PDB file of N, CA and C in Angstrom:
ATOM      1  N   MET A   1       1.018  -1.179  -0.112  1.00  0.00           N
ATOM      2  CA  MET A   1       0.166  -0.002  -0.096  1.00  0.00           C
ATOM      3  C   MET A   1       0.656   1.131   0.157  1.00  0.00           C
ATOM      4  N   THR A   2       0.428   2.227  -0.584  1.00  0.00           N
ATOM      5  CA  THR A   2       1.258   3.198  -0.878  1.00  0.00           C
ATOM      6  C   THR A   2       0.681   4.513  -0.008  1.00  0.00           C
ATOM      7  N   THR A   3       1.541   5.068   0.882  1.00  0.00           N
ATOM      8  CA  THR A   3       1.022   6.186   1.726  1.00  0.00           C
ATOM      9  C   THR A   3       1.457   7.529   0.999  1.00  0.00           C
ATOM     10  N   SER A   4       0.749   8.457   1.218  1.00  0.00           N
ATOM     11  CA  SER A   4       1.450   9.991   0.650  1.00  0.00           C
ATOM     12  C   SER A   4       1.520  11.059   2.236  1.00  0.00           C
ATOM     13  N   THR A   5       2.369  11.981   1.585  1.00  0.00           N
ATOM     14  CA  THR A   5       2.726  12.736   2.588  1.00  0.00           C
ATOM     15  C   THR A   5       1.967  13.858   2.085  1.00  0.00           C
ATOM     16  N   PRO A   6       1.821  14.755   3.063  1.00  0.00           N
ATOM     17  CA  PRO A   6       1.144  16.334   2.847  1.00  0.00           C
ATOM     18  C   PRO A   6       1.755  16.935   1.752  1.00  0.00           C
ATOM     19  N   GLN A   7       3.252  16.544   1.158  1.00  0.00           N
ATOM     20  CA  GLN A   7       3.559  17.284   0.103  1.00  0.00           C
ATOM     21  C   GLN A   7       3.438  16.479  -1.115  1.00  0.00           C
ATOM     22  N   THR A   8       3.053  15.411  -0.987  1.00  0.00           N
ATOM     23  CA  THR A   8       2.640  14.561  -2.316  1.00  0.00           C
ATOM     24  C   THR A   8       1.397  14.420  -2.606  1.00  0.00           C
ATOM     25  N   ARG A   9       0.057  15.026  -1.875  1.00  0.00           N
ATOM     26  CA  ARG A   9      -1.156  14.780  -1.957  1.00  0.00           C
ATOM     27  C   ARG A   9      -1.504  16.234  -2.953  1.00  0.00           C
ATOM     28  N   SER A  10      -2.573  15.706  -4.007  1.00  0.00           N
ATOM     29  CA  SER A  10      -3.006  16.298  -4.793  1.00  0.00           C
ATOM     30  C   SER A  10      -4.005  17.163  -4.414  1.00  0.00           C
ATOM     31  N   PRO A  11      -4.427  18.481  -5.116  1.00  0.00           N
ATOM     32  CA  PRO A  11      -5.053  19.481  -4.309  1.00  0.00           C
ATOM     33  C   PRO A  11      -6.620  19.013  -4.067  1.00  0.00           C
ATOM     34  N   SER A  12      -7.089  18.104  -4.875  1.00  0.00           N
ATOM     35  CA  SER A  12      -8.236  17.339  -4.506  1.00  0.00           C
ATOM     36  C   SER A  12      -8.212  16.671  -3.082  1.00  0.00           C
ATOM     37  N   SER A  13      -7.490  16.205  -3.044  1.00  0.00           N
ATOM     38  CA  SER A  13      -7.287  15.260  -2.022  1.00  0.00           C
ATOM     39  C   SER A  13      -7.107  16.133  -0.946  1.00  0.00           C
ATOM     40  N   LYS A  14      -6.324  17.411  -0.771  1.00  0.00           N
ATOM     41  CA  LYS A  14      -6.082  18.063   0.054  1.00  0.00           C
ATOM     42  C   LYS A  14      -7.417  18.800   0.581  1.00  0.00           C
ATOM     43  N   MET A  15      -8.203  19.190  -0.362  1.00  0.00           N
ATOM     44  CA  MET A  15      -9.374  19.511  -0.456  1.00  0.00           C
ATOM     45  C   MET A  15     -10.608  18.505   0.682  1.00  0.00           C
ATOM     46  N   ARG A  16     -10.316  17.235   0.116  1.00  0.00           N
ATOM     47  CA  ARG A  16     -11.216  16.229   0.771  1.00  0.00           C
ATOM     48  C   ARG A  16     -10.861  16.263   2.269  1.00  0.00           C
ATOM     49  N   LEU A  17      -9.541  16.327   2.357  1.00  0.00           N
ATOM     50  CA  LEU A  17      -8.831  16.093   3.655  1.00  0.00           C
ATOM     51  C   LEU A  17      -9.622  17.446   4.637  1.00  0.00           C
ATOM     52  N   ALA A  18      -9.272  18.521   3.918  1.00  0.00           N
ATOM     53  CA  ALA A  18      -9.888  19.966   4.942  1.00  0.00           C
ATOM     54  C   ALA A  18     -11.314  19.574   5.136  1.00  0.00           C
ATOM     55  N   GLU A  19     -12.302  19.121   3.994  1.00  0.00           N
ATOM     56  CA  GLU A  19     -13.652  19.260   4.348  1.00  0.00           C
ATOM     57  C   GLU A  19     -13.781  17.922   5.620  1.00  0.00           C
ATOM     58  N   MET A  20     -13.226  16.792   5.606  1.00  0.00           N
ATOM     59  CA  MET A  20     -13.187  15.987   6.534  1.00  0.00           C
ATOM     60  C   MET A  20     -12.637  16.508   7.989  1.00  0.00           C
ATOM     61  N   ARG A  21     -11.790  17.228   7.975  1.00  0.00           N
ATOM     62  CA  ARG A  21     -11.222  17.772   9.142  1.00  0.00           C
ATOM     63  C   ARG A  21     -12.312  18.662   9.675  1.00  0.00           C
ATOM     64  N   THR A  22     -13.107  19.744   8.734  1.00  0.00           N
ATOM     65  CA  THR A  22     -14.040  20.248   9.153  1.00  0.00           C
ATOM     66  C   THR A  22     -15.171  19.536   9.828  1.00  0.00           C
ATOM     67  N   ILE A  23     -15.637  18.834   9.172  1.00  0.00           N
ATOM     68  CA  ILE A  23     -16.702  18.018   9.656  1.00  0.00           C
ATOM     69  C   ILE A  23     -16.273  17.453  10.982  1.00  0.00           C
ATOM     70  N   ILE A  24     -15.273  16.711  11.493  1.00  0.00           N
ATOM     71  CA  ILE A  24     -15.187  16.418  12.351  1.00  0.00           C
ATOM     72  C   ILE A  24     -14.815  17.219  13.526  1.00  0.00           C
ATOM     73  N   ASP A  25     -14.189  18.490  13.151  1.00  0.00           N
ATOM     74  CA  ASP A  25     -13.962  19.618  13.898  1.00  0.00           C
ATOM     75  C   ASP A  25     -15.321  20.020  14.608  1.00  0.00           C
ATOM     76  N   THR A  26     -16.470  19.909  13.829  1.00  0.00           N
ATOM     77  CA  THR A  26     -17.557  20.747  14.107  1.00  0.00           C
ATOM     78  C   THR A  26     -18.601  19.725  14.502  1.00  0.00           C
ATOM     79  N   ALA A  27     -18.693  18.535  14.485  1.00  0.00           N
ATOM     80  CA  ALA A  27     -19.400  17.440  14.988  1.00  0.00           C
ATOM     81  C   ALA A  27     -19.765  17.726  16.679  1.00  0.00           C
ATOM     82  N   THR A  28     -20.985  17.570  16.833  1.00  0.00           N
ATOM     83  CA  THR A  28     -21.355  17.640  18.151  1.00  0.00           C
ATOM     84  C   THR A  28     -21.392  16.207  18.928  1.00  0.00           C
ATOM     85  N   ASP A  29     -21.304  15.248  18.078  1.00  0.00           N
ATOM     86  CA  ASP A  29     -21.335  13.718  18.640  1.00  0.00           C
ATOM     87  C   ASP A  29     -19.569  13.630  18.492  1.00  0.00           C
ATOM     88  N   GLY A  30     -19.527  12.595  19.228  1.00  0.00           N
ATOM     89  CA  GLY A  30     -18.350  12.060  19.173  1.00  0.00           C
ATOM     90  C   GLY A  30     -17.859  11.480  17.903  1.00  0.00           C
ATOM     91  N   VAL A  31     -16.529  11.597  17.248  1.00  0.00           N
ATOM     92  CA  VAL A  31     -16.251  10.933  15.780  1.00  0.00           C
ATOM     93  C   VAL A  31     -14.779  10.400  16.069  1.00  0.00           C
ATOM     94  N   VAL A  32     -14.819   9.216  15.747  1.00  0.00           N
ATOM     95  CA  VAL A  32     -13.346   8.490  15.893  1.00  0.00           C
ATOM     96  C   VAL A  32     -13.167   7.984  14.685  1.00  0.00           C
ATOM     97  N   LEU A  33     -11.906   8.166  14.214  1.00  0.00           N
ATOM     98  CA  LEU A  33     -11.370   7.716  12.960  1.00  0.00           C
ATOM     99  C   LEU A  33     -10.266   6.659  12.926  1.00  0.00           C
ATOM    100  N   ILE A  34     -10.786   5.291  12.348  1.00  0.00           N
ATOM    101  CA  ILE A  34      -9.656   4.118  12.470  1.00  0.00           C
ATOM    102  C   ILE A  34      -9.567   3.242  11.631  1.00  0.00           C
ATOM    103  N   ASP A  35      -7.912   3.162  11.213  1.00  0.00           N
ATOM    104  CA  ASP A  35      -7.517   2.753  10.023  1.00  0.00           C
ATOM    105  C   ASP A  35      -7.566   1.426   9.940  1.00  0.00           C
ATOM    106  N   ARG A  36      -7.296   0.651   8.692  1.00  0.00           N
ATOM    107  CA  ARG A  36      -7.449  -0.754   8.529  1.00  0.00           C
ATOM    108  C   ARG A  36      -6.639  -1.508   9.481  1.00  0.00           C
ATOM    109  N   ASP A  37      -5.992  -0.879  10.050  1.00  0.00           N
ATOM    110  CA  ASP A  37      -5.035  -1.671  11.079  1.00  0.00           C
ATOM    111  C   ASP A  37      -5.596  -1.742  12.532  1.00  0.00           C
ATOM    112  N   GLY A  38      -6.738  -0.790  12.722  1.00  0.00           N
ATOM    113  CA  GLY A  38      -7.222  -0.574  13.976  1.00  0.00           C
ATOM    114  C   GLY A  38      -6.834   0.394  14.636  1.00  0.00           C
ATOM    115  N   ALA A  39      -5.902   1.503  14.170  1.00  0.00           N
ATOM    116  CA  ALA A  39      -4.785   2.519  14.998  1.00  0.00           C
ATOM    117  C   ALA A  39      -6.018   3.530  14.920  1.00  0.00           C
ATOM    118  N   ILE A  40      -6.203   4.442  16.003  1.00  0.00           N
ATOM    119  CA  ILE A  40      -6.800   5.478  15.900  1.00  0.00           C
ATOM    120  C   ILE A  40      -5.913   6.623  14.933  1.00  0.00           C
ATOM    121  N   ARG A  41      -6.640   7.174  14.009  1.00  0.00           N
ATOM    122  CA  ARG A  41      -6.212   8.183  13.221  1.00  0.00           C
ATOM    123  C   ARG A  41      -6.588   9.616  13.709  1.00  0.00           C
ATOM    124  N   SER A  42      -8.090   9.727  14.122  1.00  0.00           N
ATOM    125  CA  SER A  42      -8.269  10.924  14.445  1.00  0.00           C
ATOM    126  C   SER A  42      -9.297  10.980  15.301  1.00  0.00           C
ATOM    127  N   ILE A  43      -9.470  11.772  16.341  1.00  0.00           N
ATOM    128  CA  ILE A  43     -10.745  11.955  17.214  1.00  0.00           C
ATOM    129  C   ILE A  43     -11.324  13.028  17.597  1.00  0.00           C
ATOM    130  N   SER A  44     -12.629  13.265  17.574  1.00  0.00           N
ATOM    131  CA  SER A  44     -13.161  14.818  17.696  1.00  0.00           C
ATOM    132  C   SER A  44     -13.075  14.983  19.136  1.00  0.00           C
ATOM    133  N   ARG A  45     -13.104  16.460  19.523  1.00  0.00           N
ATOM    134  CA  ARG A  45     -13.331  16.810  21.078  1.00  0.00           C
ATOM    135  C   ARG A  45     -14.247  16.281  21.797  1.00  0.00           C
ATOM    136  N   PRO A  46     -15.435  15.996  21.335  1.00  0.00           N
ATOM    137  CA  PRO A  46     -16.901  15.338  22.079  1.00  0.00           C
ATOM    138  C   PRO A  46     -16.215  13.864  22.222  1.00  0.00           C
ATOM    139  N   ALA A  47     -15.609  13.349  21.320  1.00  0.00           N
ATOM    140  CA  ALA A  47     -15.332  12.004  21.892  1.00  0.00           C
ATOM    141  C   ALA A  47     -14.160  11.607  22.920  1.00  0.00           C
ATOM    142  N   GLU A  48     -13.595  12.834  22.973  1.00  0.00           N
ATOM    143  CA  GLU A  48     -12.152  12.496  24.116  1.00  0.00           C
ATOM    144  C   GLU A  48     -12.778  12.456  25.463  1.00  0.00           C
ATOM    145  N   PRO A  49     -11.993  11.394  26.069  1.00  0.00           N
ATOM    146  CA  PRO A  49     -12.791  11.283  27.629  1.00  0.00           C
ATOM    147  C   PRO A  49     -12.539  12.617  28.162  1.00  0.00           C
ATOM    148  N   SER A  50     -13.344  12.973  29.182  1.00  0.00           N
ATOM    149  CA  SER A  50     -13.716  14.416  29.699  1.00  0.00           C
ATOM    150  C   SER A  50     -12.373  14.645  30.774  1.00  0.00           C
ATOM    151  N   ARG A  51     -11.536  13.654  31.154  1.00  0.00           N
ATOM    152  CA  ARG A  51     -10.528  13.527  31.875  1.00  0.00           C
ATOM    153  C   ARG A  51      -9.310  14.462  31.166  1.00  0.00           C
ATOM    154  N   PHE A  52      -9.555  14.172  30.006  1.00  0.00           N
ATOM    155  CA  PHE A  52      -8.297  14.778  28.880  1.00  0.00           C
ATOM    156  C   PHE A  52      -8.662  16.389  28.231  1.00  0.00           C
ATOM    157  N   ARG A  53      -9.970  16.976  28.975  1.00  0.00           N
ATOM    158  CA  ARG A  53     -10.119  18.262  28.428  1.00  0.00           C
ATOM    159  C   ARG A  53      -9.706  19.427  29.493  1.00  0.00           C
TER     160      ARG A  53
END
Protein backbone atom coordinates (compact mmCIF):
# COMPACT_ATOMS: atom_id res chain seq x y z
CA MET A 1 0.00 0.00 0.00
CA THR A 2 1.31 3.44 -0.92
CA THR A 3 0.99 6.26 1.55
CA SER A 4 1.15 9.93 0.70
CA THR A 5 2.72 12.73 2.65
CA PRO A 6 1.31 16.26 2.83
CA GLN A 7 3.82 17.27 0.16
CA THR A 8 2.66 14.61 -2.34
CA ARG A 9 -1.12 14.92 -1.95
CA SER A 10 -3.06 16.24 -4.92
CA PRO A 11 -5.11 19.44 -4.57
CA SER A 12 -8.35 17.42 -4.63
CA SER A 13 -7.17 15.10 -1.85
CA LYS A 14 -6.08 18.13 0.19
CA MET A 15 -9.56 19.59 -0.28
CA ARG A 16 -11.23 16.33 0.81
CA LEU A 17 -8.94 16.15 3.84
CA ALA A 18 -9.82 19.74 4.79
CA GLU A 19 -13.54 18.98 4.39
CA MET A 20 -13.24 15.86 6.55
CA ARG A 21 -11.30 17.77 9.21
CA THR A 22 -14.03 20.47 9.26
CA ILE A 23 -16.75 17.85 9.70
CA ILE A 24 -14.86 16.16 12.52
CA ASP A 25 -14.03 19.43 14.25
CA THR A 26 -17.63 20.70 14.15
CA ALA A 27 -19.47 17.46 14.94
CA THR A 28 -21.48 17.63 18.15
CA ASP A 29 -21.29 13.86 18.55
CA GLY A 30 -18.04 12.08 19.12
CA VAL A 31 -16.23 10.96 15.96
CA VAL A 32 -13.32 8.52 15.93
CA LEU A 33 -11.54 7.58 12.69
CA ILE A 34 -9.81 4.22 12.77
CA ASP A 35 -7.58 2.89 9.99
CA ARG A 36 -7.63 -0.64 8.59
CA ASP A 37 -5.07 -1.78 11.15
CA GLY A 38 -7.24 -0.57 14.05
CA ALA A 39 -5.11 2.45 14.91
CA ILE A 40 -6.94 5.66 15.83
CA ARG A 41 -6.21 8.24 13.13
CA SER A 42 -8.32 11.11 14.43
CA ILE A 43 -10.67 11.85 17.30
CA SER A 44 -13.05 14.77 17.72
CA ARG A 45 -13.20 16.77 20.92
CA PRO A 46 -16.61 15.42 22.01
CA ALA A 47 -15.21 11.87 21.72
CA GLU A 48 -12.35 12.57 24.12
CA PRO A 49 -12.69 11.33 27.67
CA SER A 50 -13.57 14.25 29.94
CA ARG A 51 -10.37 13.87 31.99
CA PHE A 52 -8.34 15.00 28.93
CA ARG A 53 -10.26 18.25 28.38
